[in-house]
Amino acid sequence: MDRVANMMVQKVSSSSCADLAANMQKPKNTAGGPKEAIMGDFIQALKADPALKADFFNQVSIPLATKLFDCGMIPPR
């Protein structure tokens, strides 16, 4: 969980506002590749374990919300 959270925070922190906006609007890849399988398993684990879900969102929410605010995505302009 820590590894996925750190990767997400790193990706968001290093993305430009334009890249972040483009990534949020493009459709998600639902192909059955290994990355999608791992993320599917991770999401299922978050749904099944409230403590794990809370820990994950405690790690990613502030950096993500800060980036979205700094990029003018929340509140929407």
PDB file of N, CA and C in Angstrom:
ATOM      1  N   MET A   1       0.823  -1.179   0.000  1.00  0.00           N
ATOM      2  CA  MET A   1       0.000   0.000   0.000  1.00  0.00           C
ATOM      3  C   MET A   1       0.868   1.242   0.000  1.00  0.00           C
ATOM      4  N   ASP A   2       1.917   1.246   0.811  1.00  0.00           N
ATOM      5  CA  ASP A   2       2.800   2.408   0.858  1.00  0.00           C
ATOM      6  C   ASP A   2       3.453   2.665  -0.493  1.00  0.00           C
ATOM      7  N   ARG A   3       3.831   1.604  -1.166  1.00  0.00           N
ATOM      8  CA  ARG A   3       4.480   1.746  -2.474  1.00  0.00           C
ATOM      9  C   ARG A   3       3.525   2.371  -3.492  1.00  0.00           C
ATOM     10  N   VAL A   4       2.291   1.905  -3.540  1.00  0.00           N
ATOM     11  CA  VAL A   4       1.305   2.455  -4.473  1.00  0.00           C
ATOM     12  C   VAL A   4       1.012   3.905  -4.123  1.00  0.00           C
ATOM     13  N   ALA A   5       0.853   4.211  -2.847  1.00  0.00           N
ATOM     14  CA  ALA A   5       0.592   5.589  -2.423  1.00  0.00           C
ATOM     15  C   ALA A   5       1.757   6.499  -2.797  1.00  0.00           C
ATOM     16  N   ASN A   6       2.980   6.039  -2.551  1.00  0.00           N
ATOM     17  CA  ASN A   6       4.149   6.854  -2.899  1.00  0.00           C
ATOM     18  C   ASN A   6       4.252   7.073  -4.401  1.00  0.00           C
ATOM     19  N   MET A   7       3.957   6.046  -5.186  1.00  0.00           N
ATOM     20  CA  MET A   7       3.997   6.190  -6.645  1.00  0.00           C
ATOM     21  C   MET A   7       2.941   7.189  -7.104  1.00  0.00           C
ATOM     22  N   MET A   8       1.766   7.142  -6.516  1.00  0.00           N
ATOM     23  CA  MET A   8       0.699   8.062  -6.898  1.00  0.00           C
ATOM     24  C   MET A   8       1.065   9.498  -6.540  1.00  0.00           C
ATOM     25  N   VAL A   9       1.572   9.707  -5.335  1.00  0.00           N
ATOM     26  CA  VAL A   9       1.974  11.049  -4.908  1.00  0.00           C
ATOM     27  C   VAL A   9       3.095  11.574  -5.800  1.00  0.00           C
ATOM     28  N   GLN A  10       4.068  10.731  -6.116  1.00  0.00           N
ATOM     29  CA  GLN A  10       5.179  11.136  -6.979  1.00  0.00           C
ATOM     30  C   GLN A  10       4.685  11.514  -8.365  1.00  0.00           C
ATOM     31  N   LYS A  11       3.769  10.715  -8.924  1.00  0.00           N
ATOM     32  CA  LYS A  11       3.240  10.996 -10.256  1.00  0.00           C
ATOM     33  C   LYS A  11       2.483  12.319 -10.270  1.00  0.00           C
ATOM     34  N   VAL A  12       1.643  12.537  -9.273  1.00  0.00           N
ATOM     35  CA  VAL A  12       0.866  13.773  -9.207  1.00  0.00           C
ATOM     36  C   VAL A  12       1.794  14.969  -8.994  1.00  0.00           C
ATOM     37  N   SER A  13       2.757  14.835  -8.104  1.00  0.00           N
ATOM     38  CA  SER A  13       3.662  15.941  -7.786  1.00  0.00           C
ATOM     39  C   SER A  13       4.531  16.333  -8.974  1.00  0.00           C
ATOM     40  N   SER A  14       4.924  15.359  -9.776  1.00  0.00           N
ATOM     41  CA  SER A  14       5.824  15.653 -10.892  1.00  0.00           C
ATOM     42  C   SER A  14       5.086  15.997 -12.181  1.00  0.00           C
ATOM     43  N   SER A  15       3.768  15.886 -12.196  1.00  0.00           N
ATOM     44  CA  SER A  15       2.984  16.199 -13.391  1.00  0.00           C
ATOM     45  C   SER A  15       2.730  17.691 -13.496  1.00  0.00           C
ATOM     46  N   SER A  16       2.735  18.179 -14.722  1.00  0.00           N
ATOM     47  CA  SER A  16       2.317  19.567 -14.933  1.00  0.00           C
ATOM     48  C   SER A  16       0.798  19.617 -14.814  1.00  0.00           C
ATOM     49  N   CYS A  17       0.271  20.804 -14.649  1.00  0.00           N
ATOM     50  CA  CYS A  17      -1.179  20.951 -14.550  1.00  0.00           C
ATOM     51  C   CYS A  17      -1.859  20.477 -15.833  1.00  0.00           C
ATOM     52  N   ALA A  18      -1.252  20.785 -16.985  1.00  0.00           N
ATOM     53  CA  ALA A  18      -1.828  20.361 -18.262  1.00  0.00           C
ATOM     54  C   ALA A  18      -1.826  18.836 -18.375  1.00  0.00           C
ATOM     55  N   ASP A  19      -0.727  18.201 -17.968  1.00  0.00           N
ATOM     56  CA  ASP A  19      -0.654  16.738 -18.016  1.00  0.00           C
ATOM     57  C   ASP A  19      -1.672  16.115 -17.067  1.00  0.00           C
ATOM     58  N   LEU A  20      -1.799  16.685 -15.889  1.00  0.00           N
ATOM     59  CA  LEU A  20      -2.751  16.167 -14.909  1.00  0.00           C
ATOM     60  C   LEU A  20      -4.180  16.272 -15.438  1.00  0.00           C
ATOM     61  N   ALA A  21      -4.525  17.414 -16.018  1.00  0.00           N
ATOM     62  CA  ALA A  21      -5.869  17.602 -16.576  1.00  0.00           C
ATOM     63  C   ALA A  21      -6.125  16.616 -17.709  1.00  0.00           C
ATOM     64  N   ALA A  22      -5.136  16.427 -18.581  1.00  0.00           N
ATOM     65  CA  ALA A  22      -5.297  15.494 -19.706  1.00  0.00           C
ATOM     66  C   ALA A  22      -5.467  14.065 -19.200  1.00  0.00           C
ATOM     67  N   ASN A  23      -4.679  13.669 -18.196  1.00  0.00           N
ATOM     68  CA  ASN A  23      -4.777  12.309 -17.656  1.00  0.00           C
ATOM     69  C   ASN A  23      -6.106  12.071 -16.963  1.00  0.00           C
ATOM     70  N   MET A  24      -6.664  13.092 -16.354  1.00  0.00           N
ATOM     71  CA  MET A  24      -7.934  12.928 -15.656  1.00  0.00           C
ATOM     72  C   MET A  24      -9.094  12.799 -16.634  1.00  0.00           C
ATOM     73  N   GLN A  25      -8.923  13.327 -17.854  1.00  0.00           N
ATOM     74  CA  GLN A  25     -10.022  13.300 -18.813  1.00  0.00           C
ATOM     75  C   GLN A  25      -9.967  12.124 -19.771  1.00  0.00           C
ATOM     76  N   LYS A  26      -8.797  11.496 -19.931  1.00  0.00           N
ATOM     77  CA  LYS A  26      -8.732  10.383 -20.879  1.00  0.00           C
ATOM     78  C   LYS A  26      -9.323   9.131 -20.250  1.00  0.00           C
ATOM     79  N   PRO A  27      -9.939   8.291 -21.092  1.00  0.00           N
ATOM     80  CA  PRO A  27     -10.539   7.058 -20.563  1.00  0.00           C
ATOM     81  C   PRO A  27      -9.478   6.138 -19.966  1.00  0.00           C
ATOM     82  N   LYS A  28      -9.863   5.438 -18.933  1.00  0.00           N
ATOM     83  CA  LYS A  28      -8.952   4.495 -18.281  1.00  0.00           C
ATOM     84  C   LYS A  28      -8.808   3.249 -19.141  1.00  0.00           C
ATOM     85  N   ASN A  29      -7.599   2.711 -19.151  1.00  0.00           N
ATOM     86  CA  ASN A  29      -7.319   1.492 -19.889  1.00  0.00           C
ATOM     87  C   ASN A  29      -7.875   0.306 -19.104  1.00  0.00           C
ATOM     88  N   THR A  30      -8.819  -0.382 -19.685  1.00  0.00           N
ATOM     89  CA  THR A  30      -9.418  -1.526 -19.003  1.00  0.00           C
ATOM     90  C   THR A  30      -8.914  -2.846 -19.571  1.00  0.00           C
ATOM     91  N   ALA A  31      -7.845  -2.778 -20.371  1.00  0.00           N
ATOM     92  CA  ALA A  31      -7.262  -4.002 -20.920  1.00  0.00           C
ATOM     93  C   ALA A  31      -6.749  -4.869 -19.776  1.00  0.00           C
ATOM     94  N   GLY A  32      -6.614  -6.131 -20.045  1.00  0.00           N
ATOM     95  CA  GLY A  32      -6.254  -7.077 -18.997  1.00  0.00           C
ATOM     96  C   GLY A  32      -4.766  -7.265 -18.801  1.00  0.00           C
ATOM     97  N   GLY A  33      -3.990  -6.196 -18.877  1.00  0.00           N
ATOM     98  CA  GLY A  33      -2.551  -6.303 -18.685  1.00  0.00           C
ATOM     99  C   GLY A  33      -2.186  -6.482 -17.230  1.00  0.00           C
ATOM    100  N   PRO A  34      -0.894  -6.739 -16.963  1.00  0.00           N
ATOM    101  CA  PRO A  34      -0.460  -6.971 -15.576  1.00  0.00           C
ATOM    102  C   PRO A  34      -0.665  -5.763 -14.675  1.00  0.00           C
ATOM    103  N   LYS A  35      -0.444  -4.562 -15.183  1.00  0.00           N
ATOM    104  CA  LYS A  35      -0.627  -3.359 -14.360  1.00  0.00           C
ATOM    105  C   LYS A  35      -2.093  -3.213 -13.945  1.00  0.00           C
ATOM    106  N   GLU A  36      -2.996  -3.439 -14.882  1.00  0.00           N
ATOM    107  CA  GLU A  36      -4.419  -3.327 -14.570  1.00  0.00           C
ATOM    108  C   GLU A  36      -4.857  -4.397 -13.574  1.00  0.00           C
ATOM    109  N   ALA A  37      -4.283  -5.600 -13.689  1.00  0.00           N
ATOM    110  CA  ALA A  37      -4.614  -6.677 -12.750  1.00  0.00           C
ATOM    111  C   ALA A  37      -4.146  -6.333 -11.344  1.00  0.00           C
ATOM    112  N   ILE A  38      -2.935  -5.792 -11.232  1.00  0.00           N
ATOM    113  CA  ILE A  38      -2.401  -5.408  -9.921  1.00  0.00           C
ATOM    114  C   ILE A  38      -3.254  -4.299  -9.315  1.00  0.00           C
ATOM    115  N   MET A  39      -3.595  -3.298 -10.129  1.00  0.00           N
ATOM    116  CA  MET A  39      -4.416  -2.192  -9.611  1.00  0.00           C
ATOM    117  C   MET A  39      -5.811  -2.689  -9.235  1.00  0.00           C
ATOM    118  N   GLY A  40      -6.363  -3.605 -10.006  1.00  0.00           N
ATOM    119  CA  GLY A  40      -7.670  -4.181  -9.666  1.00  0.00           C
ATOM    120  C   GLY A  40      -7.627  -4.895  -8.332  1.00  0.00           C
ATOM    121  N   ASP A  41      -6.570  -5.668  -8.113  1.00  0.00           N
ATOM    122  CA  ASP A  41      -6.402  -6.363  -6.836  1.00  0.00           C
ATOM    123  C   ASP A  41      -6.244  -5.366  -5.698  1.00  0.00           C
ATOM    124  N   PHE A  42      -5.484  -4.295  -5.952  1.00  0.00           N
ATOM    125  CA  PHE A  42      -5.266  -3.280  -4.925  1.00  0.00           C
ATOM    126  C   PHE A  42      -6.580  -2.593  -4.569  1.00  0.00           C
ATOM    127  N   ILE A  43      -7.363  -2.249  -5.567  1.00  0.00           N
ATOM    128  CA  ILE A  43      -8.652  -1.587  -5.317  1.00  0.00           C
ATOM    129  C   ILE A  43      -9.577  -2.509  -4.534  1.00  0.00           C
ATOM    130  N   GLN A  44      -9.579  -3.796  -4.869  1.00  0.00           N
ATOM    131  CA  GLN A  44     -10.393  -4.751  -4.114  1.00  0.00           C
ATOM    132  C   GLN A  44      -9.939  -4.829  -2.658  1.00  0.00           C
ATOM    133  N   ALA A  45      -8.620  -4.782  -2.440  1.00  0.00           N
ATOM    134  CA  ALA A  45      -8.090  -4.809  -1.068  1.00  0.00           C
ATOM    135  C   ALA A  45      -8.528  -3.564  -0.303  1.00  0.00           C
ATOM    136  N   LEU A  46      -8.525  -2.406  -0.967  1.00  0.00           N
ATOM    137  CA  LEU A  46      -8.982  -1.173  -0.316  1.00  0.00           C
ATOM    138  C   LEU A  46     -10.458  -1.270   0.059  1.00  0.00           C
ATOM    139  N   LYS A  47     -11.258  -1.834  -0.838  1.00  0.00           N
ATOM    140  CA  LYS A  47     -12.688  -1.974  -0.565  1.00  0.00           C
ATOM    141  C   LYS A  47     -12.955  -2.938   0.580  1.00  0.00           C
ATOM    142  N   ALA A  48     -12.111  -3.950   0.699  1.00  0.00           N
ATOM    143  CA  ALA A  48     -12.332  -4.980   1.719  1.00  0.00           C
ATOM    144  C   ALA A  48     -11.795  -4.614   3.095  1.00  0.00           C
ATOM    145  N   ASP A  49     -10.863  -3.675   3.159  1.00  0.00           N
ATOM    146  CA  ASP A  49     -10.194  -3.366   4.424  1.00  0.00           C
ATOM    147  C   ASP A  49     -10.288  -1.865   4.717  1.00  0.00           C
ATOM    148  N   PRO A  50     -11.227  -1.462   5.570  1.00  0.00           N
ATOM    149  CA  PRO A  50     -11.413  -0.048   5.863  1.00  0.00           C
ATOM    150  C   PRO A  50     -10.161   0.630   6.437  1.00  0.00           C
ATOM    151  N   ALA A  51      -9.379  -0.086   7.231  1.00  0.00           N
ATOM    152  CA  ALA A  51      -8.167   0.514   7.808  1.00  0.00           C
ATOM    153  C   ALA A  51      -7.130   0.762   6.720  1.00  0.00           C
ATOM    154  N   LEU A  52      -6.971  -0.173   5.801  1.00  0.00           N
ATOM    155  CA  LEU A  52      -6.048  -0.005   4.682  1.00  0.00           C
ATOM    156  C   LEU A  52      -6.472   1.172   3.810  1.00  0.00           C
ATOM    157  N   LYS A  53      -7.781   1.259   3.551  1.00  0.00           N
ATOM    158  CA  LYS A  53      -8.317   2.363   2.751  1.00  0.00           C
ATOM    159  C   LYS A  53      -8.049   3.700   3.434  1.00  0.00           C
ATOM    160  N   ALA A  54      -8.261   3.774   4.724  1.00  0.00           N
ATOM    161  CA  ALA A  54      -8.017   5.013   5.467  1.00  0.00           C
ATOM    162  C   ALA A  54      -6.543   5.391   5.418  1.00  0.00           C
ATOM    163  N   ASP A  55      -5.653   4.427   5.612  1.00  0.00           N
ATOM    164  CA  ASP A  55      -4.209   4.700   5.547  1.00  0.00           C
ATOM    165  C   ASP A  55      -3.812   5.210   4.168  1.00  0.00           C
ATOM    166  N   PHE A  56      -4.330   4.564   3.126  1.00  0.00           N
ATOM    167  CA  PHE A  56      -4.002   4.972   1.758  1.00  0.00           C
ATOM    168  C   PHE A  56      -4.454   6.413   1.505  1.00  0.00           C
ATOM    169  N   PHE A  57      -5.709   6.717   1.827  1.00  0.00           N
ATOM    170  CA  PHE A  57      -6.203   8.063   1.559  1.00  0.00           C
ATOM    171  C   PHE A  57      -5.560   9.109   2.464  1.00  0.00           C
ATOM    172  N   ASN A  58      -5.147   8.732   3.655  1.00  0.00           N
ATOM    173  CA  ASN A  58      -4.407   9.667   4.501  1.00  0.00           C
ATOM    174  C   ASN A  58      -3.080  10.052   3.860  1.00  0.00           C
ATOM    175  N   GLN A  59      -2.467   9.134   3.126  1.00  0.00           N
ATOM    176  CA  GLN A  59      -1.188   9.416   2.474  1.00  0.00           C
ATOM    177  C   GLN A  59      -1.340  10.227   1.194  1.00  0.00           C
ATOM    178  N   VAL A  60      -2.394   9.972   0.422  1.00  0.00           N
ATOM    179  CA  VAL A  60      -2.485  10.603  -0.905  1.00  0.00           C
ATOM    180  C   VAL A  60      -3.392  11.822  -0.958  1.00  0.00           C
ATOM    181  N   SER A  61      -4.288  11.993  -0.018  1.00  0.00           N
ATOM    182  CA  SER A  61      -5.300  13.044  -0.156  1.00  0.00           C
ATOM    183  C   SER A  61      -4.731  14.460  -0.108  1.00  0.00           C
ATOM    184  N   ILE A  62      -3.843  14.748   0.821  1.00  0.00           N
ATOM    185  CA  ILE A  62      -3.316  16.117   0.925  1.00  0.00           C
ATOM    186  C   ILE A  62      -2.467  16.485  -0.292  1.00  0.00           C
ATOM    187  N   PRO A  63      -1.508  15.652  -0.719  1.00  0.00           N
ATOM    188  CA  PRO A  63      -0.749  16.019  -1.919  1.00  0.00           C
ATOM    189  C   PRO A  63      -1.633  16.147  -3.169  1.00  0.00           C
ATOM    190  N   LEU A  64      -2.615  15.249  -3.311  1.00  0.00           N
ATOM    191  CA  LEU A  64      -3.489  15.310  -4.473  1.00  0.00           C
ATOM    192  C   LEU A  64      -4.372  16.558  -4.431  1.00  0.00           C
ATOM    193  N   ALA A  65      -4.999  16.816  -3.310  1.00  0.00           N
ATOM    194  CA  ALA A  65      -5.859  17.993  -3.190  1.00  0.00           C
ATOM    195  C   ALA A  65      -5.061  19.285  -3.366  1.00  0.00           C
ATOM    196  N   THR A  66      -3.855  19.331  -2.839  1.00  0.00           N
ATOM    197  CA  THR A  66      -3.004  20.510  -2.990  1.00  0.00           C
ATOM    198  C   THR A  66      -2.680  20.762  -4.458  1.00  0.00           C
ATOM    199  N   LYS A  67      -2.305  19.708  -5.187  1.00  0.00           N
ATOM    200  CA  LYS A  67      -1.975  19.854  -6.611  1.00  0.00           C
ATOM    201  C   LYS A  67      -3.202  20.291  -7.399  1.00  0.00           C
ATOM    202  N   LEU A  68      -4.351  19.676  -7.130  1.00  0.00           N
ATOM    203  CA  LEU A  68      -5.575  20.061  -7.829  1.00  0.00           C
ATOM    204  C   LEU A  68      -5.938  21.512  -7.531  1.00  0.00           C
ATOM    205  N   PHE A  69      -5.757  21.952  -6.299  1.00  0.00           N
ATOM    206  CA  PHE A  69      -6.032  23.341  -5.939  1.00  0.00           C
ATOM    207  C   PHE A  69      -5.057  24.279  -6.636  1.00  0.00           C
ATOM    208  N   ASP A  70      -3.765  23.945  -6.593  1.00  0.00           N
ATOM    209  CA  ASP A  70      -2.742  24.795  -7.225  1.00  0.00           C
ATOM    210  C   ASP A  70      -2.941  24.898  -8.727  1.00  0.00           C
ATOM    211  N   CYS A  71      -3.495  23.845  -9.338  1.00  0.00           N
ATOM    212  CA  CYS A  71      -3.739  23.848 -10.789  1.00  0.00           C
ATOM    213  C   CYS A  71      -5.098  24.467 -11.137  1.00  0.00           C
ATOM    214  N   GLY A  72      -5.838  24.899 -10.138  1.00  0.00           N
ATOM    215  CA  GLY A  72      -7.132  25.537 -10.401  1.00  0.00           C
ATOM    216  C   GLY A  72      -8.236  24.554 -10.730  1.00  0.00           C
ATOM    217  N   MET A  73      -8.051  23.294 -10.401  1.00  0.00           N
ATOM    218  CA  MET A  73      -9.074  22.289 -10.701  1.00  0.00           C
ATOM    219  C   MET A  73     -10.106  22.169  -9.593  1.00  0.00           C
ATOM    220  N   ILE A  74      -9.726  22.549  -8.366  1.00  0.00           N
ATOM    221  CA  ILE A  74     -10.688  22.652  -7.263  1.00  0.00           C
ATOM    222  C   ILE A  74     -10.424  23.960  -6.529  1.00  0.00           C
ATOM    223  N   PRO A  75     -11.388  24.755  -6.237  1.00  0.00           N
ATOM    224  CA  PRO A  75     -12.704  24.701  -6.845  1.00  0.00           C
ATOM    225  C   PRO A  75     -12.588  24.989  -8.335  1.00  0.00           C
ATOM    226  N   PRO A  76     -13.509  24.432  -9.145  1.00  0.00           N
ATOM    227  CA  PRO A  76     -13.410  24.631 -10.590  1.00  0.00           C
ATOM    228  C   PRO A  76     -13.500  26.105 -10.955  1.00  0.00           C
ATOM    229  N   ARG A  77     -12.688  26.467 -11.916  1.00  0.00           N
ATOM    230  CA  ARG A  77     -12.707  27.863 -12.388  1.00  0.00           C
ATOM    231  C   ARG A  77     -13.619  28.027 -13.553  1.00  0.00           C
TER     232      ARG A  77
END
